[in-house]
Amino acid sequence: MQITVELPNDLTQRPNPAREALEALAIAGFRAGTLTAFQAAQLLEFGSRFEFERILKERGIDDHSHSVADLDDDMKTLRKLDASREDRR
């Protein structure tokens, strides 16, 4: 799905306004509890939630808890990585 957002002119002068808006959306969704860290990472096209957590840390946003859904997503990723490693042997 594609969503189009009109940004005020003063924001369009920033280096990458579209990316900044997307990151703000992902962070707001995470802080509101409507997105897990994994879902926010997917929205930002990161390979894992750890990359999203790095952004939180850079901005001084506490990632105070991990949900069961986050753990499930991490386990799925771990299984995929493990299977990929086994396939290369």
C-alpha atoms as a PDB file:
ATOM      1  CA  MET A   1       0.000   0.000   0.000  1.00  0.00           C
ATOM      2  CA  GLN A   2       1.203   3.479  -0.743  1.00  0.00           C
ATOM      3  CA  ILE A   3       0.238   6.542   1.282  1.00  0.00           C
ATOM      4  CA  THR A   4       0.858  10.074   0.071  1.00  0.00           C
ATOM      5  CA  VAL A   5       1.466  12.863   2.561  1.00  0.00           C
ATOM      6  CA  GLU A   6       1.843  16.558   1.800  1.00  0.00           C
ATOM      7  CA  LEU A   7       4.573  18.158   3.857  1.00  0.00           C
ATOM      8  CA  PRO A   8       4.782  21.883   4.621  1.00  0.00           C
ATOM      9  CA  ASN A   9       7.353  23.736   2.527  1.00  0.00           C
ATOM     10  CA  ASP A  10       9.696  24.326   5.460  1.00  0.00           C
ATOM     11  CA  LEU A  11       9.951  20.565   6.035  1.00  0.00           C
ATOM     12  CA  THR A  12      10.692  19.805   2.395  1.00  0.00           C
ATOM     13  CA  GLN A  13      13.950  21.744   2.697  1.00  0.00           C
ATOM     14  CA  ARG A  14      15.370  19.076   5.017  1.00  0.00           C
ATOM     15  CA  PRO A  15      17.846  16.531   3.571  1.00  0.00           C
ATOM     16  CA  ASN A  16      15.415  13.577   3.456  1.00  0.00           C
ATOM     17  CA  PRO A  17      11.940  14.682   4.554  1.00  0.00           C
ATOM     18  CA  ALA A  18      10.167  11.520   3.404  1.00  0.00           C
ATOM     19  CA  ARG A  19      12.460   9.295   5.446  1.00  0.00           C
ATOM     20  CA  GLU A  20      12.179  11.544   8.489  1.00  0.00           C
ATOM     21  CA  ALA A  21       8.373  11.423   8.259  1.00  0.00           C
ATOM     22  CA  LEU A  22       8.394   7.639   7.930  1.00  0.00           C
ATOM     23  CA  GLU A  23      10.719   7.260  10.921  1.00  0.00           C
ATOM     24  CA  ALA A  24       8.513   9.586  12.970  1.00  0.00           C
ATOM     25  CA  LEU A  25       5.470   7.497  12.049  1.00  0.00           C
ATOM     26  CA  ALA A  26       7.193   4.246  13.027  1.00  0.00           C
ATOM     27  CA  ILE A  27       8.390   5.687  16.340  1.00  0.00           C
ATOM     28  CA  ALA A  28       4.967   7.148  17.150  1.00  0.00           C
ATOM     29  CA  GLY A  29       3.290   3.822  16.373  1.00  0.00           C
ATOM     30  CA  PHE A  30       5.771   1.980  18.557  1.00  0.00           C
ATOM     31  CA  ARG A  31       5.410   4.396  21.469  1.00  0.00           C
ATOM     32  CA  ALA A  32       1.607   4.223  21.227  1.00  0.00           C
ATOM     33  CA  GLY A  33       1.736   0.449  21.293  1.00  0.00           C
ATOM     34  CA  THR A  34       0.100   0.041  17.898  1.00  0.00           C
ATOM     35  CA  LEU A  35       3.327  -1.270  16.337  1.00  0.00           C
ATOM     36  CA  THR A  36       5.810  -3.730  17.769  1.00  0.00           C
ATOM     37  CA  ALA A  37       9.513  -2.994  17.348  1.00  0.00           C
ATOM     38  CA  PHE A  38       9.566  -5.693  14.673  1.00  0.00           C
ATOM     39  CA  GLN A  39       6.661  -4.102  12.774  1.00  0.00           C
ATOM     40  CA  ALA A  40       8.276  -0.667  13.015  1.00  0.00           C
ATOM     41  CA  ALA A  41      11.504  -2.162  11.646  1.00  0.00           C
ATOM     42  CA  GLN A  42       9.561  -3.699   8.757  1.00  0.00           C
ATOM     43  CA  LEU A  43       7.919  -0.349   8.017  1.00  0.00           C
ATOM     44  CA  LEU A  44      11.386   1.190   7.803  1.00  0.00           C
ATOM     45  CA  GLU A  45      12.616  -1.758   5.683  1.00  0.00           C
ATOM     46  CA  PHE A  46      15.214  -2.832   8.234  1.00  0.00           C
ATOM     47  CA  GLY A  47      16.446  -6.407   8.433  1.00  0.00           C
ATOM     48  CA  SER A  48      15.697  -6.694  12.142  1.00  0.00           C
ATOM     49  CA  ARG A  49      14.143  -4.852  15.049  1.00  0.00           C
ATOM     50  CA  PHE A  50      17.644  -4.193  16.365  1.00  0.00           C
ATOM     51  CA  GLU A  51      18.185  -1.578  13.662  1.00  0.00           C
ATOM     52  CA  PHE A  52      14.975   0.142  14.784  1.00  0.00           C
ATOM     53  CA  GLU A  53      16.126  -0.027  18.388  1.00  0.00           C
ATOM     54  CA  ARG A  54      19.367   1.690  17.329  1.00  0.00           C
ATOM     55  CA  ILE A  55      17.304   4.641  16.047  1.00  0.00           C
ATOM     56  CA  LEU A  56      15.413   4.762  19.331  1.00  0.00           C
ATOM     57  CA  LYS A  57      18.683   4.828  21.242  1.00  0.00           C
ATOM     58  CA  GLU A  58      20.136   7.556  18.996  1.00  0.00           C
ATOM     59  CA  ARG A  59      17.084   9.697  19.724  1.00  0.00           C
ATOM     60  CA  GLY A  60      17.097   9.001  23.446  1.00  0.00           C
ATOM     61  CA  ILE A  61      13.844   7.043  23.377  1.00  0.00           C
ATOM     62  CA  ASP A  62      13.711   4.279  25.954  1.00  0.00           C
ATOM     63  CA  ASP A  63      12.717   0.895  24.625  1.00  0.00           C
ATOM     64  CA  HIS A  64      11.416  -0.285  27.962  1.00  0.00           C
ATOM     65  CA  SER A  65       9.929  -3.625  27.063  1.00  0.00           C
ATOM     66  CA  HIS A  66       9.683  -6.330  24.463  1.00  0.00           C
ATOM     67  CA  SER A  67       6.351  -7.915  23.784  1.00  0.00           C
ATOM     68  CA  VAL A  68       5.632 -11.584  23.277  1.00  0.00           C
ATOM     69  CA  ALA A  69       5.012 -10.744  19.614  1.00  0.00           C
ATOM     70  CA  ASP A  70       8.523  -9.256  19.402  1.00  0.00           C
ATOM     71  CA  LEU A  71       9.965 -12.435  20.879  1.00  0.00           C
ATOM     72  CA  ASP A  72       7.994 -14.580  18.426  1.00  0.00           C
ATOM     73  CA  ASP A  73       9.242 -12.464  15.525  1.00  0.00           C
ATOM     74  CA  ASP A  74      12.815 -12.724  16.790  1.00  0.00           C
ATOM     75  CA  MET A  75      12.505 -16.507  17.039  1.00  0.00           C
ATOM     76  CA  LYS A  76      11.208 -16.714  13.449  1.00  0.00           C
ATOM     77  CA  THR A  77      14.139 -14.611  12.255  1.00  0.00           C
ATOM     78  CA  LEU A  78      16.576 -16.774  14.205  1.00  0.00           C
ATOM     79  CA  ARG A  79      15.120 -19.947  12.663  1.00  0.00           C
ATOM     80  CA  LYS A  80      15.429 -18.461   9.160  1.00  0.00           C
ATOM     81  CA  LEU A  81      19.033 -17.478   9.777  1.00  0.00           C
ATOM     82  CA  ASP A  82      19.831 -20.882  11.210  1.00  0.00           C
ATOM     83  CA  ALA A  83      18.221 -22.651   8.242  1.00  0.00           C
ATOM     84  CA  SER A  84      20.122 -20.411   5.844  1.00  0.00           C
ATOM     85  CA  ARG A  85      23.377 -21.233   7.583  1.00  0.00           C
ATOM     86  CA  GLU A  86      22.603 -24.961   7.422  1.00  0.00           C
ATOM     87  CA  ASP A  87      21.841 -24.693   3.684  1.00  0.00           C
ATOM     88  CA  ARG A  88      25.293 -23.218   3.034  1.00  0.00           C
ATOM     89  CA  ARG A  89      27.067 -26.139   4.673  1.00  0.00           C
END
